[in-house]
Amino acid sequence: MPLWRLFYHLVWATEQRQPLITPPKEQALYKYIDDKTTSTGCHLYAIGGTDNHIHLIVAIPPKLAISAYVKQIKGASSHYLNHYVASEEMVFEWQKEYGVFSISEKLLKTAIAYVQNQKQHHADHMVIQRFEPPFPNS
């Protein structure tokens, strides 16, 4: 078994940043993403967000491309919400873009805390802008 330590901070938003991650959907969405992450051979350390975007701290093995992981999670989670967590709201869609940032093992705990406290960071206007959608072109 190969040894790897590859940690990533991923973030993406709902289509047009619509407030689609309502409290009733949030718990089901996060659980689904956790289960799907495990089934891909990855490890989810943290998930958090607001009503229009999510952040994940995840370890992705080198055999799986980051883009493949993101595509799988975004596609499967939107399908799940639209078909199994139905509501009268508009169709659930993620934006096409996403942000990915590598994290050193030394900063893993800090990144996890940042993600787990997203609602509070946003309420207090204490977000780290480079980690928030929309992403800068640089």
N, C-alpha and C. Protein backbone atom coordinates (compact mmCIF):
# COMPACT_ATOMS: atom_id res chain seq x y z
N MET A 1 0.85 -1.18 0.00
CA MET A 1 0.00 0.00 0.00
C MET A 1 0.89 1.24 0.00
N PRO A 2 0.67 2.15 -0.93
CA PRO A 2 1.51 3.35 -0.97
C PRO A 2 1.18 4.30 0.19
N LEU A 3 2.16 5.05 0.56
CA LEU A 3 1.99 6.07 1.60
C LEU A 3 1.80 7.41 0.92
N TRP A 4 0.79 8.15 1.31
CA TRP A 4 0.55 9.47 0.74
C TRP A 4 -0.08 10.38 1.79
N ARG A 5 0.25 11.65 1.69
CA ARG A 5 -0.29 12.69 2.56
C ARG A 5 -0.60 13.90 1.68
N LEU A 6 -1.74 13.87 1.02
CA LEU A 6 -2.14 14.93 0.10
C LEU A 6 -3.46 15.52 0.58
N PHE A 7 -3.39 16.72 1.14
CA PHE A 7 -4.56 17.37 1.73
C PHE A 7 -4.96 18.57 0.88
N TYR A 8 -6.26 18.72 0.68
CA TYR A 8 -6.77 19.80 -0.16
C TYR A 8 -7.94 20.51 0.51
N HIS A 9 -8.00 21.81 0.27
CA HIS A 9 -9.15 22.63 0.65
C HIS A 9 -9.89 22.89 -0.65
N LEU A 10 -11.09 22.36 -0.75
CA LEU A 10 -11.93 22.54 -1.94
C LEU A 10 -13.10 23.44 -1.59
N VAL A 11 -13.51 24.24 -2.56
CA VAL A 11 -14.67 25.10 -2.34
C VAL A 11 -15.39 25.32 -3.66
N TRP A 12 -16.71 25.29 -3.60
CA TRP A 12 -17.52 25.64 -4.78
C TRP A 12 -18.88 26.13 -4.32
N ALA A 13 -19.56 26.81 -5.23
CA ALA A 13 -20.83 27.46 -4.90
C ALA A 13 -21.98 26.85 -5.69
N THR A 14 -23.17 27.16 -5.23
CA THR A 14 -24.36 26.78 -5.98
C THR A 14 -24.42 27.64 -7.25
N GLU A 15 -25.15 27.15 -8.23
CA GLU A 15 -25.31 27.89 -9.47
C GLU A 15 -25.87 29.28 -9.18
N GLN A 16 -25.21 30.28 -9.71
CA GLN A 16 -25.56 31.70 -9.52
C GLN A 16 -25.66 32.07 -8.03
N ARG A 17 -24.96 31.32 -7.22
CA ARG A 17 -24.93 31.54 -5.77
C ARG A 17 -26.32 31.64 -5.14
N GLN A 18 -27.21 30.83 -5.67
CA GLN A 18 -28.56 30.77 -5.11
C GLN A 18 -28.49 30.16 -3.71
N PRO A 19 -29.31 30.62 -2.77
CA PRO A 19 -29.30 30.08 -1.40
C PRO A 19 -30.04 28.74 -1.32
N LEU A 20 -29.47 27.71 -1.94
CA LEU A 20 -30.14 26.42 -2.08
C LEU A 20 -29.81 25.42 -0.98
N ILE A 21 -28.77 25.69 -0.19
CA ILE A 21 -28.39 24.75 0.87
C ILE A 21 -29.13 25.18 2.14
N THR A 22 -30.39 24.82 2.17
CA THR A 22 -31.25 25.16 3.30
C THR A 22 -30.94 24.23 4.48
N PRO A 23 -31.29 24.64 5.70
CA PRO A 23 -31.00 23.77 6.85
C PRO A 23 -31.49 22.33 6.68
N PRO A 24 -32.70 22.10 6.16
CA PRO A 24 -33.12 20.70 6.01
C PRO A 24 -32.25 19.92 5.01
N LYS A 25 -31.72 20.59 4.00
CA LYS A 25 -30.89 19.92 2.99
C LYS A 25 -29.44 19.78 3.44
N GLU A 26 -28.98 20.68 4.28
CA GLU A 26 -27.56 20.72 4.63
C GLU A 26 -27.08 19.41 5.25
N GLN A 27 -27.78 18.92 6.25
CA GLN A 27 -27.34 17.70 6.93
C GLN A 27 -27.31 16.52 5.96
N ALA A 28 -28.34 16.38 5.14
CA ALA A 28 -28.38 15.28 4.16
C ALA A 28 -27.26 15.43 3.14
N LEU A 29 -27.00 16.65 2.68
CA LEU A 29 -25.93 16.91 1.71
C LEU A 29 -24.57 16.56 2.29
N TYR A 30 -24.28 17.03 3.48
CA TYR A 30 -22.99 16.78 4.10
C TYR A 30 -22.76 15.29 4.35
N LYS A 31 -23.78 14.59 4.82
CA LYS A 31 -23.67 13.15 5.05
C LYS A 31 -23.43 12.43 3.72
N TYR A 32 -24.15 12.82 2.69
CA TYR A 32 -23.99 12.18 1.39
C TYR A 32 -22.57 12.40 0.86
N ILE A 33 -22.07 13.62 0.95
CA ILE A 33 -20.72 13.92 0.48
C ILE A 33 -19.69 13.12 1.28
N ASP A 34 -19.88 13.00 2.58
CA ASP A 34 -18.97 12.21 3.41
C ASP A 34 -18.96 10.75 2.95
N ASP A 35 -20.15 10.17 2.78
CA ASP A 35 -20.24 8.77 2.35
C ASP A 35 -19.65 8.58 0.96
N LYS A 36 -19.94 9.49 0.05
CA LYS A 36 -19.42 9.38 -1.33
C LYS A 36 -17.90 9.53 -1.34
N THR A 37 -17.38 10.43 -0.52
CA THR A 37 -15.93 10.61 -0.42
C THR A 37 -15.26 9.33 0.03
N THR A 38 -15.81 8.70 1.05
CA THR A 38 -15.26 7.44 1.54
C THR A 38 -15.29 6.38 0.46
N SER A 39 -16.37 6.33 -0.30
CA SER A 39 -16.48 5.30 -1.35
C SER A 39 -15.50 5.50 -2.50
N THR A 40 -14.94 6.70 -2.62
CA THR A 40 -13.95 6.96 -3.67
C THR A 40 -12.52 6.69 -3.19
N GLY A 41 -12.37 6.28 -1.92
CA GLY A 41 -11.05 6.03 -1.37
C GLY A 41 -10.37 7.27 -0.81
N CYS A 42 -11.15 8.31 -0.65
CA CYS A 42 -10.64 9.57 -0.09
C CYS A 42 -11.07 9.68 1.37
N HIS A 43 -10.57 10.70 2.05
CA HIS A 43 -10.93 10.92 3.45
C HIS A 43 -11.37 12.37 3.64
N LEU A 44 -12.59 12.57 4.11
CA LEU A 44 -13.12 13.90 4.39
C LEU A 44 -12.81 14.26 5.83
N TYR A 45 -12.04 15.32 6.02
CA TYR A 45 -11.69 15.79 7.36
C TYR A 45 -12.69 16.81 7.88
N ALA A 46 -13.25 17.62 6.97
CA ALA A 46 -14.18 18.66 7.40
C ALA A 46 -15.03 19.10 6.22
N ILE A 47 -16.24 19.51 6.53
CA ILE A 47 -17.13 20.10 5.55
C ILE A 47 -17.91 21.19 6.25
N GLY A 48 -18.11 22.29 5.58
CA GLY A 48 -18.85 23.41 6.15
C GLY A 48 -19.17 24.41 5.05
N GLY A 49 -20.06 25.31 5.35
CA GLY A 49 -20.40 26.30 4.34
C GLY A 49 -21.55 27.18 4.78
N THR A 50 -22.15 27.78 3.78
CA THR A 50 -23.31 28.65 4.00
C THR A 50 -24.41 28.16 3.07
N ASP A 51 -25.44 28.96 2.91
CA ASP A 51 -26.56 28.53 2.07
C ASP A 51 -26.23 28.53 0.57
N ASN A 52 -25.06 29.09 0.19
CA ASN A 52 -24.75 29.14 -1.24
C ASN A 52 -23.37 28.60 -1.64
N HIS A 53 -22.64 28.05 -0.70
CA HIS A 53 -21.36 27.43 -1.06
C HIS A 53 -20.87 26.49 0.05
N ILE A 54 -19.96 25.59 -0.34
CA ILE A 54 -19.39 24.67 0.65
C ILE A 54 -17.87 24.64 0.54
N HIS A 55 -17.25 24.26 1.64
CA HIS A 55 -15.81 24.05 1.74
C HIS A 55 -15.62 22.62 2.22
N LEU A 56 -14.59 21.96 1.71
CA LEU A 56 -14.23 20.63 2.15
C LEU A 56 -12.73 20.59 2.41
N ILE A 57 -12.33 19.87 3.43
CA ILE A 57 -10.93 19.51 3.62
C ILE A 57 -10.90 18.00 3.39
N VAL A 58 -10.15 17.60 2.38
CA VAL A 58 -10.16 16.20 1.96
C VAL A 58 -8.75 15.74 1.60
N ALA A 59 -8.49 14.47 1.88
CA ALA A 59 -7.26 13.82 1.43
C ALA A 59 -7.63 12.98 0.22
N ILE A 60 -6.96 13.24 -0.89
CA ILE A 60 -7.24 12.54 -2.14
C ILE A 60 -5.99 11.76 -2.53
N PRO A 61 -6.11 10.44 -2.73
CA PRO A 61 -4.92 9.66 -3.09
C PRO A 61 -4.42 10.02 -4.49
N PRO A 62 -3.13 9.82 -4.74
CA PRO A 62 -2.56 10.21 -6.03
C PRO A 62 -3.14 9.46 -7.23
N LYS A 63 -3.77 8.31 -7.00
CA LYS A 63 -4.36 7.56 -8.11
C LYS A 63 -5.64 8.22 -8.65
N LEU A 64 -6.17 9.19 -7.92
CA LEU A 64 -7.41 9.87 -8.31
C LEU A 64 -7.13 11.35 -8.58
N ALA A 65 -7.43 11.81 -9.76
CA ALA A 65 -7.25 13.22 -10.09
C ALA A 65 -8.22 14.07 -9.26
N ILE A 66 -7.75 15.21 -8.83
CA ILE A 66 -8.59 16.12 -8.05
C ILE A 66 -9.85 16.47 -8.84
N SER A 67 -9.68 16.78 -10.13
CA SER A 67 -10.83 17.14 -10.96
C SER A 67 -11.84 16.00 -11.06
N ALA A 68 -11.38 14.76 -11.08
CA ALA A 68 -12.29 13.60 -11.13
C ALA A 68 -13.07 13.49 -9.82
N TYR A 69 -12.38 13.70 -8.71
CA TYR A 69 -13.06 13.67 -7.41
C TYR A 69 -14.15 14.75 -7.36
N VAL A 70 -13.79 15.98 -7.71
CA VAL A 70 -14.74 17.08 -7.65
C VAL A 70 -15.93 16.82 -8.57
N LYS A 71 -15.67 16.38 -9.78
CA LYS A 71 -16.75 16.09 -10.74
C LYS A 71 -17.70 15.04 -10.17
N GLN A 72 -17.13 13.99 -9.59
CA GLN A 72 -17.93 12.92 -9.02
C GLN A 72 -18.78 13.42 -7.85
N ILE A 73 -18.18 14.17 -6.95
CA ILE A 73 -18.89 14.65 -5.76
C ILE A 73 -19.97 15.66 -6.15
N LYS A 74 -19.64 16.60 -7.00
CA LYS A 74 -20.63 17.61 -7.40
C LYS A 74 -21.79 16.97 -8.15
N GLY A 75 -21.48 16.10 -9.10
CA GLY A 75 -22.53 15.47 -9.89
C GLY A 75 -23.43 14.58 -9.06
N ALA A 76 -22.82 13.74 -8.25
CA ALA A 76 -23.60 12.81 -7.43
C ALA A 76 -24.43 13.54 -6.38
N SER A 77 -23.86 14.57 -5.76
CA SER A 77 -24.59 15.27 -4.70
C SER A 77 -25.77 16.08 -5.26
N SER A 78 -25.60 16.71 -6.40
CA SER A 78 -26.74 17.44 -6.98
C SER A 78 -27.83 16.46 -7.42
N HIS A 79 -27.44 15.32 -7.98
CA HIS A 79 -28.43 14.29 -8.35
C HIS A 79 -29.17 13.80 -7.11
N TYR A 80 -28.42 13.53 -6.06
CA TYR A 80 -29.03 13.07 -4.81
C TYR A 80 -30.04 14.08 -4.27
N LEU A 81 -29.65 15.34 -4.21
CA LEU A 81 -30.57 16.35 -3.67
C LEU A 81 -31.81 16.51 -4.54
N ASN A 82 -31.62 16.47 -5.84
CA ASN A 82 -32.77 16.65 -6.75
C ASN A 82 -33.72 15.46 -6.76
N HIS A 83 -33.22 14.26 -6.49
CA HIS A 83 -34.06 13.07 -6.60
C HIS A 83 -34.50 12.48 -5.26
N TYR A 84 -33.76 12.73 -4.20
CA TYR A 84 -34.06 12.08 -2.92
C TYR A 84 -34.34 13.04 -1.78
N VAL A 85 -33.99 14.29 -1.94
CA VAL A 85 -34.27 15.31 -0.93
C VAL A 85 -35.07 16.39 -1.65
N ALA A 86 -36.18 15.98 -2.22
CA ALA A 86 -36.99 16.86 -3.06
C ALA A 86 -37.62 17.98 -2.23
N SER A 87 -37.84 19.08 -2.92
CA SER A 87 -38.54 20.20 -2.30
C SER A 87 -39.22 21.00 -3.41
N GLU A 88 -39.92 22.01 -3.00
CA GLU A 88 -40.62 22.86 -3.96
C GLU A 88 -39.71 23.94 -4.54
N GLU A 89 -38.47 23.99 -4.04
CA GLU A 89 -37.54 25.01 -4.51
C GLU A 89 -37.05 24.69 -5.92
N MET A 90 -36.25 25.58 -6.46
CA MET A 90 -35.70 25.35 -7.80
C MET A 90 -34.75 24.16 -7.80
N VAL A 91 -34.44 23.69 -8.99
CA VAL A 91 -33.53 22.57 -9.15
C VAL A 91 -32.18 22.92 -8.54
N PHE A 92 -31.60 21.95 -7.85
CA PHE A 92 -30.31 22.16 -7.22
C PHE A 92 -29.21 21.95 -8.24
N GLU A 93 -28.33 22.95 -8.38
CA GLU A 93 -27.18 22.85 -9.28
C GLU A 93 -25.98 23.52 -8.63
N TRP A 94 -24.80 22.95 -8.90
CA TRP A 94 -23.55 23.58 -8.50
C TRP A 94 -23.01 24.40 -9.66
N GLN A 95 -22.24 25.44 -9.36
CA GLN A 95 -21.53 26.17 -10.40
C GLN A 95 -20.53 25.22 -11.05
N LYS A 96 -20.10 25.54 -12.25
CA LYS A 96 -19.13 24.69 -12.94
C LYS A 96 -17.73 24.80 -12.34
N GLU A 97 -17.37 25.95 -11.84
CA GLU A 97 -16.04 26.19 -11.32
C GLU A 97 -15.89 25.67 -9.90
N TYR A 98 -14.64 25.58 -9.47
CA TYR A 98 -14.34 25.24 -8.08
C TYR A 98 -12.94 25.77 -7.77
N GLY A 99 -12.65 25.87 -6.50
CA GLY A 99 -11.31 26.26 -6.07
C GLY A 99 -10.67 25.09 -5.36
N VAL A 100 -9.37 24.95 -5.53
CA VAL A 100 -8.63 23.91 -4.83
C VAL A 100 -7.32 24.50 -4.34
N PHE A 101 -7.00 24.23 -3.08
CA PHE A 101 -5.79 24.74 -2.45
C PHE A 101 -5.13 23.59 -1.72
N SER A 102 -3.85 23.40 -1.93
CA SER A 102 -3.15 22.34 -1.20
C SER A 102 -2.84 22.83 0.21
N ILE A 103 -2.81 21.89 1.13
CA ILE A 103 -2.60 22.20 2.54
C ILE A 103 -1.47 21.32 3.05
N SER A 104 -0.57 21.91 3.79
CA SER A 104 0.46 21.10 4.43
C SER A 104 -0.14 20.41 5.65
N GLU A 105 0.45 19.30 6.04
CA GLU A 105 -0.04 18.58 7.22
C GLU A 105 0.06 19.47 8.46
N LYS A 106 1.05 20.34 8.48
CA LYS A 106 1.25 21.26 9.60
C LYS A 106 0.06 22.22 9.78
N LEU A 107 -0.58 22.61 8.67
CA LEU A 107 -1.70 23.55 8.73
C LEU A 107 -3.07 22.88 8.66
N LEU A 108 -3.10 21.57 8.70
CA LEU A 108 -4.35 20.84 8.55
C LEU A 108 -5.37 21.22 9.62
N LYS A 109 -4.97 21.28 10.88
CA LYS A 109 -5.90 21.62 11.97
C LYS A 109 -6.49 23.03 11.78
N THR A 110 -5.66 23.96 11.34
CA THR A 110 -6.13 25.34 11.10
C THR A 110 -7.16 25.36 9.98
N ALA A 111 -6.88 24.63 8.90
CA ALA A 111 -7.81 24.58 7.77
C ALA A 111 -9.13 23.92 8.17
N ILE A 112 -9.05 22.86 8.94
CA ILE A 112 -10.26 22.18 9.41
C ILE A 112 -11.11 23.14 10.24
N ALA A 113 -10.50 23.87 11.15
CA ALA A 113 -11.24 24.83 11.98
C ALA A 113 -11.89 25.91 11.12
N TYR A 114 -11.17 26.38 10.11
CA TYR A 114 -11.73 27.41 9.22
C TYR A 114 -12.98 26.89 8.52
N VAL A 115 -12.92 25.69 8.02
CA VAL A 115 -14.05 25.11 7.29
C VAL A 115 -15.21 24.82 8.24
N GLN A 116 -14.94 24.27 9.39
CA GLN A 116 -16.01 23.92 10.33
C GLN A 116 -16.72 25.15 10.89
N ASN A 117 -16.09 26.31 10.81
CA ASN A 117 -16.68 27.53 11.35
C ASN A 117 -17.11 28.52 10.27
N GLN A 118 -17.47 28.02 9.10
CA GLN A 118 -17.84 28.89 7.99
C GLN A 118 -18.99 29.84 8.32
N LYS A 119 -20.04 29.33 8.90
CA LYS A 119 -21.20 30.20 9.18
C LYS A 119 -20.79 31.37 10.09
N GLN A 120 -20.00 31.08 11.11
CA GLN A 120 -19.56 32.13 12.02
C GLN A 120 -18.62 33.11 11.33
N HIS A 121 -17.70 32.60 10.51
CA HIS A 121 -16.78 33.49 9.78
C HIS A 121 -17.57 34.45 8.89
N HIS A 122 -18.58 33.93 8.22
CA HIS A 122 -19.38 34.79 7.35
C HIS A 122 -20.22 35.78 8.15
N ALA A 123 -20.78 35.33 9.25
CA ALA A 123 -21.58 36.22 10.10
C ALA A 123 -20.73 37.36 10.66
N ASP A 124 -19.48 37.05 10.99
CA ASP A 124 -18.56 38.04 11.56
C ASP A 124 -17.75 38.79 10.50
N HIS A 125 -17.99 38.48 9.22
CA HIS A 125 -17.22 39.08 8.11
C HIS A 125 -15.72 38.85 8.31
N MET A 126 -15.38 37.63 8.71
CA MET A 126 -13.98 37.27 8.98
C MET A 126 -13.51 36.16 8.05
N VAL A 127 -13.96 36.19 6.80
CA VAL A 127 -13.56 35.15 5.85
C VAL A 127 -12.20 35.48 5.25
N ILE A 128 -11.53 34.47 4.76
CA ILE A 128 -10.29 34.65 4.02
C ILE A 128 -10.70 34.69 2.55
N GLN A 129 -10.64 35.86 1.95
CA GLN A 129 -11.22 36.09 0.62
C GLN A 129 -10.70 35.14 -0.46
N ARG A 130 -9.42 34.77 -0.41
CA ARG A 130 -8.91 33.90 -1.48
C ARG A 130 -9.52 32.51 -1.42
N PHE A 131 -10.18 32.15 -0.33
CA PHE A 131 -10.83 30.84 -0.21
C PHE A 131 -12.33 30.90 -0.49
N GLU A 132 -12.82 32.05 -0.89
CA GLU A 132 -14.26 32.21 -1.09
C GLU A 132 -14.60 32.43 -2.56
N PRO A 133 -15.68 31.81 -3.07
CA PRO A 133 -16.08 32.06 -4.45
C PRO A 133 -16.69 33.45 -4.57
N PRO A 134 -16.65 34.12 -5.72
CA PRO A 134 -15.95 33.70 -6.93
C PRO A 134 -14.45 33.87 -6.76
N PHE A 135 -13.72 33.08 -7.48
CA PHE A 135 -12.28 33.03 -7.32
C PHE A 135 -11.58 34.04 -8.22
N PRO A 136 -10.48 34.59 -7.72
CA PRO A 136 -9.73 35.54 -8.56
C PRO A 136 -9.14 34.82 -9.76
N ASN A 137 -8.91 35.57 -10.84
CA ASN A 137 -8.36 34.99 -12.06
C ASN A 137 -6.89 34.71 -11.96
N SER A 138 -6.23 35.19 -10.90
CA SER A 138 -4.79 34.98 -10.78
C SER A 138 -4.45 33.65 -10.19
